[in-house]
Amino acid sequence: MKDLAKRPIPIPNALTQPFWDGAKENKLVIQRCQMCHVFYQPPVDVCMDCLARGNTSTLSFETVSGKGVIYGHTLVHDTRLGGFEEILPYPVVLVELEEQKGLILNANMPNTDPTEIHSDVPVEVYFIDIGSGVKLPEFRLVNS
């Protein structure tokens, strides 16, 4: 298995901490406005739809299915970001989650043949442990 301990460790802030806490529990949690029910990724301080201000009762995090389709993709060959050398080249995908049109999550899609990665192909989330109590969401083709 590739050395995941070399991956950069995300540094959560007040807005992103619930996302990373969910990932530790193998859950994909996305911020959602409780007033107008719009999801946001990345999280926001103010709902851009109804202008509700962020607090735990108006902009909270909900577990989502982790299922979606590939919206866009690229194959990364760049060696400037350390920690990914052992998996180069690796696919990065933009996944449109099934909960909302336009709800896009950027993630890696390693261990997938790049020739099988196309727009509108169904994918699902899974989580990898990179050490230090951190798990990252990654995606795989459905039925892989």
N, C-alpha and C. Protein backbone atom coordinates (compact mmCIF):
# COMPACT_ATOMS: atom_id res chain seq x y z
N MET A 1 0.85 -1.19 0.00
CA MET A 1 0.00 0.00 0.00
C MET A 1 0.88 1.24 0.00
N LYS A 2 0.44 2.24 -0.65
CA LYS A 2 1.19 3.48 -0.76
C LYS A 2 1.27 4.15 0.62
N ASP A 3 2.34 4.92 0.84
CA ASP A 3 2.56 5.58 2.12
C ASP A 3 1.67 6.81 2.24
N LEU A 4 0.54 6.64 2.93
CA LEU A 4 -0.41 7.74 3.09
C LEU A 4 0.04 8.74 4.14
N ALA A 5 1.01 8.35 4.98
CA ALA A 5 1.46 9.25 6.04
C ALA A 5 2.16 10.49 5.48
N LYS A 6 2.55 10.46 4.23
CA LYS A 6 3.22 11.61 3.63
C LYS A 6 2.23 12.66 3.13
N ARG A 7 0.95 12.33 3.08
CA ARG A 7 -0.04 13.28 2.59
C ARG A 7 -0.10 14.51 3.49
N PRO A 8 -0.31 15.70 2.90
CA PRO A 8 -0.46 16.89 3.74
C PRO A 8 -1.69 16.75 4.64
N ILE A 9 -1.57 17.20 5.87
CA ILE A 9 -2.67 17.12 6.83
C ILE A 9 -3.51 18.40 6.69
N PRO A 10 -4.81 18.27 6.44
CA PRO A 10 -5.66 19.47 6.36
C PRO A 10 -5.66 20.22 7.69
N ILE A 11 -5.76 21.53 7.60
CA ILE A 11 -5.84 22.36 8.80
C ILE A 11 -7.24 22.97 8.85
N PRO A 12 -8.14 22.37 9.64
CA PRO A 12 -9.51 22.88 9.70
C PRO A 12 -9.58 24.26 10.33
N ASN A 13 -10.61 25.00 9.97
CA ASN A 13 -10.92 26.26 10.65
C ASN A 13 -12.34 26.12 11.21
N ALA A 14 -12.87 27.19 11.78
CA ALA A 14 -14.19 27.11 12.40
C ALA A 14 -15.27 26.67 11.41
N LEU A 15 -15.16 27.08 10.16
CA LEU A 15 -16.17 26.71 9.16
C LEU A 15 -16.03 25.27 8.69
N THR A 16 -14.80 24.78 8.57
CA THR A 16 -14.59 23.45 7.99
C THR A 16 -14.48 22.32 9.01
N GLN A 17 -14.35 22.63 10.29
CA GLN A 17 -14.17 21.59 11.32
C GLN A 17 -15.26 20.51 11.27
N PRO A 18 -16.55 20.86 11.12
CA PRO A 18 -17.56 19.79 11.07
C PRO A 18 -17.36 18.83 9.89
N PHE A 19 -16.87 19.33 8.75
CA PHE A 19 -16.59 18.47 7.60
C PHE A 19 -15.55 17.42 7.98
N TRP A 20 -14.45 17.88 8.60
CA TRP A 20 -13.37 16.96 8.97
C TRP A 20 -13.77 16.04 10.11
N ASP A 21 -14.60 16.52 11.04
CA ASP A 21 -15.10 15.65 12.11
C ASP A 21 -15.96 14.53 11.52
N GLY A 22 -16.79 14.86 10.54
CA GLY A 22 -17.61 13.84 9.87
C GLY A 22 -16.74 12.82 9.16
N ALA A 23 -15.71 13.29 8.47
CA ALA A 23 -14.81 12.38 7.74
C ALA A 23 -14.16 11.38 8.69
N LYS A 24 -13.80 11.82 9.91
CA LYS A 24 -13.21 10.90 10.89
C LYS A 24 -14.14 9.74 11.19
N GLU A 25 -15.45 9.97 11.02
CA GLU A 25 -16.45 8.94 11.29
C GLU A 25 -16.95 8.29 10.00
N ASN A 26 -16.19 8.47 8.90
CA ASN A 26 -16.57 7.91 7.59
C ASN A 26 -17.92 8.43 7.11
N LYS A 27 -18.17 9.72 7.39
CA LYS A 27 -19.41 10.36 6.95
C LYS A 27 -19.06 11.59 6.14
N LEU A 28 -19.77 11.77 5.04
CA LEU A 28 -19.61 12.98 4.25
C LEU A 28 -20.68 13.95 4.73
N VAL A 29 -20.24 15.02 5.39
CA VAL A 29 -21.18 16.01 5.91
C VAL A 29 -20.96 17.33 5.17
N ILE A 30 -22.05 17.94 4.75
CA ILE A 30 -22.01 19.15 3.95
C ILE A 30 -22.90 20.20 4.63
N GLN A 31 -22.45 21.43 4.61
CA GLN A 31 -23.21 22.52 5.22
C GLN A 31 -24.51 22.76 4.45
N ARG A 32 -25.59 23.01 5.20
CA ARG A 32 -26.89 23.28 4.58
C ARG A 32 -27.62 24.37 5.36
N CYS A 33 -28.21 25.29 4.64
CA CYS A 33 -29.03 26.34 5.25
C CYS A 33 -30.36 25.72 5.67
N GLN A 34 -30.70 25.88 6.92
CA GLN A 34 -31.95 25.32 7.42
C GLN A 34 -33.16 26.19 7.08
N MET A 35 -32.91 27.39 6.59
CA MET A 35 -34.00 28.28 6.21
C MET A 35 -34.50 27.96 4.79
N CYS A 36 -33.56 27.86 3.84
CA CYS A 36 -33.96 27.65 2.43
C CYS A 36 -33.51 26.29 1.89
N HIS A 37 -32.77 25.52 2.68
CA HIS A 37 -32.36 24.14 2.38
C HIS A 37 -31.32 24.00 1.27
N VAL A 38 -30.55 25.06 0.99
CA VAL A 38 -29.48 25.00 0.02
C VAL A 38 -28.21 24.48 0.69
N PHE A 39 -27.52 23.55 0.02
CA PHE A 39 -26.24 23.03 0.48
C PHE A 39 -25.11 23.93 0.01
N TYR A 40 -24.02 23.98 0.81
CA TYR A 40 -22.83 24.74 0.44
C TYR A 40 -21.57 23.93 0.66
N GLN A 41 -20.73 23.87 -0.35
CA GLN A 41 -19.40 23.28 -0.25
C GLN A 41 -18.50 24.09 -1.16
N PRO A 42 -17.52 24.81 -0.65
CA PRO A 42 -17.13 24.88 0.75
C PRO A 42 -18.14 25.65 1.59
N PRO A 43 -18.04 25.49 2.91
CA PRO A 43 -18.97 26.16 3.82
C PRO A 43 -18.87 27.69 3.72
N VAL A 44 -19.96 28.34 4.09
CA VAL A 44 -20.06 29.80 4.02
C VAL A 44 -20.51 30.37 5.37
N ASP A 45 -20.28 31.67 5.57
CA ASP A 45 -20.76 32.36 6.78
C ASP A 45 -22.19 32.83 6.65
N VAL A 46 -22.60 33.13 5.41
CA VAL A 46 -23.93 33.65 5.12
C VAL A 46 -24.50 32.90 3.93
N CYS A 47 -25.73 32.45 4.04
CA CYS A 47 -26.39 31.78 2.93
C CYS A 47 -26.51 32.76 1.76
N MET A 48 -26.00 32.38 0.62
CA MET A 48 -26.03 33.25 -0.54
C MET A 48 -27.40 33.26 -1.21
N ASP A 49 -28.29 32.36 -0.80
CA ASP A 49 -29.62 32.29 -1.38
C ASP A 49 -30.62 33.15 -0.60
N CYS A 50 -30.69 32.94 0.73
CA CYS A 50 -31.68 33.67 1.54
C CYS A 50 -31.04 34.68 2.50
N LEU A 51 -29.72 34.74 2.52
CA LEU A 51 -28.94 35.67 3.37
C LEU A 51 -29.01 35.35 4.86
N ALA A 52 -29.41 34.13 5.21
CA ALA A 52 -29.38 33.72 6.62
C ALA A 52 -27.94 33.72 7.09
N ARG A 53 -27.71 34.20 8.28
CA ARG A 53 -26.36 34.25 8.85
C ARG A 53 -26.02 32.91 9.49
N GLY A 54 -24.74 32.60 9.44
CA GLY A 54 -24.28 31.31 9.94
C GLY A 54 -24.28 31.19 11.44
N ASN A 55 -24.97 30.21 11.94
CA ASN A 55 -24.86 29.73 13.30
C ASN A 55 -25.38 28.30 13.27
N THR A 56 -25.33 27.62 14.38
CA THR A 56 -25.68 26.20 14.36
C THR A 56 -27.13 25.93 14.02
N SER A 57 -28.00 26.93 14.14
CA SER A 57 -29.40 26.68 13.83
C SER A 57 -29.77 27.04 12.39
N THR A 58 -28.97 27.88 11.72
CA THR A 58 -29.32 28.23 10.35
C THR A 58 -28.40 27.60 9.31
N LEU A 59 -27.11 27.56 9.56
CA LEU A 59 -26.16 26.91 8.64
C LEU A 59 -25.51 25.77 9.40
N SER A 60 -26.07 24.59 9.25
CA SER A 60 -25.56 23.43 9.97
C SER A 60 -25.09 22.38 8.97
N PHE A 61 -24.48 21.34 9.48
CA PHE A 61 -23.94 20.28 8.62
C PHE A 61 -24.84 19.06 8.68
N GLU A 62 -25.06 18.46 7.51
CA GLU A 62 -25.88 17.25 7.40
C GLU A 62 -25.10 16.16 6.67
N THR A 63 -25.33 14.94 7.09
CA THR A 63 -24.74 13.81 6.38
C THR A 63 -25.45 13.65 5.05
N VAL A 64 -24.67 13.49 3.98
CA VAL A 64 -25.22 13.27 2.65
C VAL A 64 -24.84 11.86 2.20
N SER A 65 -25.41 11.43 1.10
CA SER A 65 -25.23 10.05 0.62
C SER A 65 -23.81 9.72 0.19
N GLY A 66 -23.07 10.72 -0.29
CA GLY A 66 -21.75 10.43 -0.83
C GLY A 66 -21.79 9.89 -2.24
N LYS A 67 -22.96 9.94 -2.84
CA LYS A 67 -23.11 9.47 -4.23
C LYS A 67 -23.29 10.67 -5.14
N GLY A 68 -22.79 10.51 -6.35
CA GLY A 68 -22.92 11.58 -7.32
C GLY A 68 -22.39 11.14 -8.66
N VAL A 69 -22.13 12.11 -9.52
CA VAL A 69 -21.57 11.84 -10.84
C VAL A 69 -20.37 12.75 -11.05
N ILE A 70 -19.48 12.30 -11.91
CA ILE A 70 -18.32 13.12 -12.24
C ILE A 70 -18.78 14.31 -13.06
N TYR A 71 -18.45 15.49 -12.59
CA TYR A 71 -18.80 16.74 -13.25
C TYR A 71 -17.63 17.20 -14.14
N GLY A 72 -16.42 16.96 -13.67
CA GLY A 72 -15.21 17.30 -14.40
C GLY A 72 -14.05 16.52 -13.82
N HIS A 73 -12.94 16.47 -14.54
CA HIS A 73 -11.80 15.69 -14.05
C HIS A 73 -10.51 16.14 -14.73
N THR A 74 -9.41 15.78 -14.09
CA THR A 74 -8.08 16.02 -14.65
C THR A 74 -7.15 14.95 -14.11
N LEU A 75 -6.01 14.81 -14.75
CA LEU A 75 -4.99 13.88 -14.31
C LEU A 75 -3.78 14.71 -13.86
N VAL A 76 -3.42 14.61 -12.59
CA VAL A 76 -2.36 15.43 -12.02
C VAL A 76 -1.01 14.73 -12.20
N HIS A 77 -0.07 15.46 -12.80
CA HIS A 77 1.31 14.99 -12.97
C HIS A 77 2.28 15.87 -12.18
N ASP A 78 1.79 16.95 -11.62
CA ASP A 78 2.60 17.98 -10.96
C ASP A 78 3.22 17.43 -9.67
N THR A 79 4.52 17.63 -9.51
CA THR A 79 5.23 17.13 -8.33
C THR A 79 5.48 18.21 -7.29
N ARG A 80 4.98 19.42 -7.50
CA ARG A 80 5.27 20.51 -6.56
C ARG A 80 4.59 20.35 -5.21
N LEU A 81 3.45 19.67 -5.14
CA LEU A 81 2.77 19.45 -3.87
C LEU A 81 3.25 18.13 -3.30
N GLY A 82 4.02 18.20 -2.24
CA GLY A 82 4.60 17.01 -1.65
C GLY A 82 3.56 16.08 -1.03
N GLY A 83 3.91 14.80 -0.96
CA GLY A 83 3.06 13.81 -0.34
C GLY A 83 2.27 12.97 -1.31
N PHE A 84 2.31 13.31 -2.59
CA PHE A 84 1.53 12.58 -3.59
C PHE A 84 2.42 11.89 -4.62
N GLU A 85 3.73 11.96 -4.43
CA GLU A 85 4.66 11.43 -5.42
C GLU A 85 4.41 9.96 -5.75
N GLU A 86 4.07 9.16 -4.74
CA GLU A 86 3.92 7.72 -4.94
C GLU A 86 2.67 7.34 -5.73
N ILE A 87 1.74 8.28 -5.89
CA ILE A 87 0.52 7.94 -6.64
C ILE A 87 0.44 8.68 -7.98
N LEU A 88 1.50 9.42 -8.33
CA LEU A 88 1.50 10.15 -9.61
C LEU A 88 1.50 9.19 -10.79
N PRO A 89 0.85 9.55 -11.86
CA PRO A 89 -0.18 10.59 -11.94
C PRO A 89 -1.45 10.09 -11.28
N TYR A 90 -2.24 11.01 -10.73
CA TYR A 90 -3.48 10.60 -10.07
C TYR A 90 -4.64 11.47 -10.56
N PRO A 91 -5.82 10.85 -10.67
CA PRO A 91 -7.00 11.60 -11.11
C PRO A 91 -7.58 12.44 -9.98
N VAL A 92 -7.98 13.65 -10.32
CA VAL A 92 -8.74 14.52 -9.44
C VAL A 92 -10.06 14.77 -10.13
N VAL A 93 -11.14 14.64 -9.36
CA VAL A 93 -12.47 14.79 -9.94
C VAL A 93 -13.26 15.88 -9.23
N LEU A 94 -14.15 16.48 -9.97
CA LEU A 94 -15.19 17.32 -9.42
C LEU A 94 -16.44 16.46 -9.44
N VAL A 95 -17.00 16.21 -8.27
CA VAL A 95 -18.18 15.34 -8.17
C VAL A 95 -19.38 16.20 -7.85
N GLU A 96 -20.42 16.06 -8.67
CA GLU A 96 -21.68 16.72 -8.37
C GLU A 96 -22.50 15.73 -7.53
N LEU A 97 -22.70 16.09 -6.27
CA LEU A 97 -23.42 15.20 -5.36
C LEU A 97 -24.90 15.16 -5.70
N GLU A 98 -25.52 14.00 -5.47
CA GLU A 98 -26.91 13.81 -5.88
C GLU A 98 -27.91 14.65 -5.10
N GLU A 99 -27.50 15.19 -3.96
CA GLU A 99 -28.43 15.95 -3.13
C GLU A 99 -28.87 17.28 -3.75
N GLN A 100 -28.03 17.84 -4.65
CA GLN A 100 -28.38 19.16 -5.19
C GLN A 100 -27.60 19.42 -6.47
N LYS A 101 -28.28 19.86 -7.49
CA LYS A 101 -27.61 20.26 -8.73
C LYS A 101 -26.64 21.40 -8.41
N GLY A 102 -25.41 21.28 -8.90
CA GLY A 102 -24.40 22.31 -8.65
C GLY A 102 -23.65 22.16 -7.34
N LEU A 103 -23.96 21.14 -6.54
CA LEU A 103 -23.22 20.88 -5.30
C LEU A 103 -22.00 20.05 -5.66
N ILE A 104 -20.86 20.72 -5.74
CA ILE A 104 -19.64 20.11 -6.28
C ILE A 104 -18.60 19.92 -5.18
N LEU A 105 -18.00 18.74 -5.15
CA LEU A 105 -16.93 18.43 -4.21
C LEU A 105 -15.70 18.03 -5.02
N ASN A 106 -14.57 18.61 -4.70
CA ASN A 106 -13.29 18.31 -5.35
C ASN A 106 -12.60 17.22 -4.54
N ALA A 107 -12.15 16.16 -5.20
CA ALA A 107 -11.50 15.06 -4.47
C ALA A 107 -10.59 14.26 -5.38
N ASN A 108 -9.75 13.48 -4.76
CA ASN A 108 -8.90 12.54 -5.51
C ASN A 108 -9.71 11.31 -5.88
N MET A 109 -9.24 10.63 -6.91
CA MET A 109 -9.86 9.38 -7.33
C MET A 109 -8.76 8.38 -7.70
N PRO A 110 -7.90 8.06 -6.71
CA PRO A 110 -6.78 7.17 -7.00
C PRO A 110 -7.26 5.74 -7.24
N ASN A 111 -6.37 4.92 -7.71
CA ASN A 111 -6.67 3.50 -7.95
C ASN A 111 -7.78 3.31 -8.97
N THR A 112 -7.94 4.29 -9.85
CA THR A 112 -8.94 4.20 -10.91
C THR A 112 -8.24 4.43 -12.24
N ASP A 113 -8.50 3.58 -13.20
CA ASP A 113 -7.94 3.75 -14.52
C ASP A 113 -8.47 5.05 -15.12
N PRO A 114 -7.59 6.00 -15.43
CA PRO A 114 -8.05 7.29 -15.95
C PRO A 114 -8.91 7.18 -17.21
N THR A 115 -8.76 6.10 -17.96
CA THR A 115 -9.59 5.95 -19.17
C THR A 115 -11.05 5.64 -18.84
N GLU A 116 -11.32 5.28 -17.57
CA GLU A 116 -12.70 4.99 -17.14
C GLU A 116 -13.38 6.20 -16.52
N ILE A 117 -12.67 7.31 -16.42
CA ILE A 117 -13.20 8.51 -15.78
C ILE A 117 -13.74 9.45 -16.85
N HIS A 118 -15.06 9.64 -16.82
CA HIS A 118 -15.74 10.50 -17.79
C HIS A 118 -16.83 11.29 -17.07
N SER A 119 -17.22 12.39 -17.65
CA SER A 119 -18.34 13.16 -17.10
C SER A 119 -19.59 12.30 -17.04
N ASP A 120 -20.39 12.54 -16.01
CA ASP A 120 -21.67 11.87 -15.77
C ASP A 120 -21.56 10.40 -15.34
N VAL A 121 -20.35 9.91 -15.07
CA VAL A 121 -20.18 8.55 -14.59
C VAL A 121 -20.48 8.54 -13.09
N PRO A 122 -21.30 7.57 -12.60
CA PRO A 122 -21.63 7.52 -11.17
C PRO A 122 -20.42 7.12 -10.31
N VAL A 123 -20.31 7.81 -9.17
CA VAL A 123 -19.23 7.55 -8.21
C VAL A 123 -19.80 7.57 -6.79
N GLU A 124 -18.99 7.06 -5.86
CA GLU A 124 -19.36 7.08 -4.45
C GLU A 124 -18.13 7.38 -3.61
N VAL A 125 -18.37 7.97 -2.45
CA VAL A 125 -17.29 8.34 -1.56
C VAL A 125 -16.83 7.15 -0.73
N TYR A 126 -15.57 7.18 -0.36
CA TYR A 126 -15.02 6.32 0.68
C TYR A 126 -13.94 7.14 1.38
N PHE A 127 -13.45 6.67 2.48
CA PHE A 127 -12.53 7.46 3.29
C PHE A 127 -11.23 6.70 3.50
N ILE A 128 -10.12 7.45 3.45
CA ILE A 128 -8.81 6.85 3.72
C ILE A 128 -8.22 7.52 4.96
N ASP A 129 -7.56 6.73 5.76
CA ASP A 129 -6.91 7.22 6.97
C ASP A 129 -5.49 7.60 6.61
N ILE A 130 -5.14 8.89 6.80
CA ILE A 130 -3.78 9.34 6.47
C ILE A 130 -2.95 9.56 7.73
N GLY A 131 -3.45 9.11 8.86
CA GLY A 131 -2.73 9.26 10.12
C GLY A 131 -3.08 10.56 10.83
N SER A 132 -2.56 10.72 12.01
CA SER A 132 -2.81 11.90 12.84
C SER A 132 -4.30 12.12 13.10
N GLY A 133 -5.09 11.05 13.08
CA GLY A 133 -6.53 11.16 13.33
C GLY A 133 -7.31 11.81 12.20
N VAL A 134 -6.74 11.81 10.99
CA VAL A 134 -7.39 12.47 9.85
C VAL A 134 -7.77 11.46 8.79
N LYS A 135 -8.99 11.58 8.29
CA LYS A 135 -9.44 10.78 7.16
C LYS A 135 -9.83 11.74 6.03
N LEU A 136 -9.54 11.30 4.80
CA LEU A 136 -9.87 12.09 3.62
C LEU A 136 -10.94 11.40 2.81
N PRO A 137 -11.91 12.16 2.30
CA PRO A 137 -12.86 11.56 1.38
C PRO A 137 -12.22 11.44 -0.01
N GLU A 138 -12.37 10.28 -0.60
CA GLU A 138 -11.96 10.05 -1.98
C GLU A 138 -13.12 9.37 -2.68
N PHE A 139 -13.05 9.28 -3.99
CA PHE A 139 -14.17 8.70 -4.73
C PHE A 139 -13.70 7.52 -5.56
N ARG A 140 -14.66 6.63 -5.83
CA ARG A 140 -14.43 5.48 -6.70
C ARG A 140 -15.66 5.30 -7.58
N LEU A 141 -15.46 4.60 -8.68
CA LEU A 141 -16.58 4.30 -9.55
C LEU A 141 -17.57 3.42 -8.81
N VAL A 142 -18.85 3.61 -9.06
CA VAL A 142 -19.87 2.78 -8.43
C VAL A 142 -19.69 1.35 -8.96
N ASN A 143 -19.82 0.38 -8.07
CA ASN A 143 -19.63 -1.05 -8.38
C ASN A 143 -18.18 -1.41 -8.63
N SER A 144 -17.25 -0.62 -8.07
CA SER A 144 -15.82 -0.95 -8.22
C SER A 144 -15.34 -1.73 -7.03
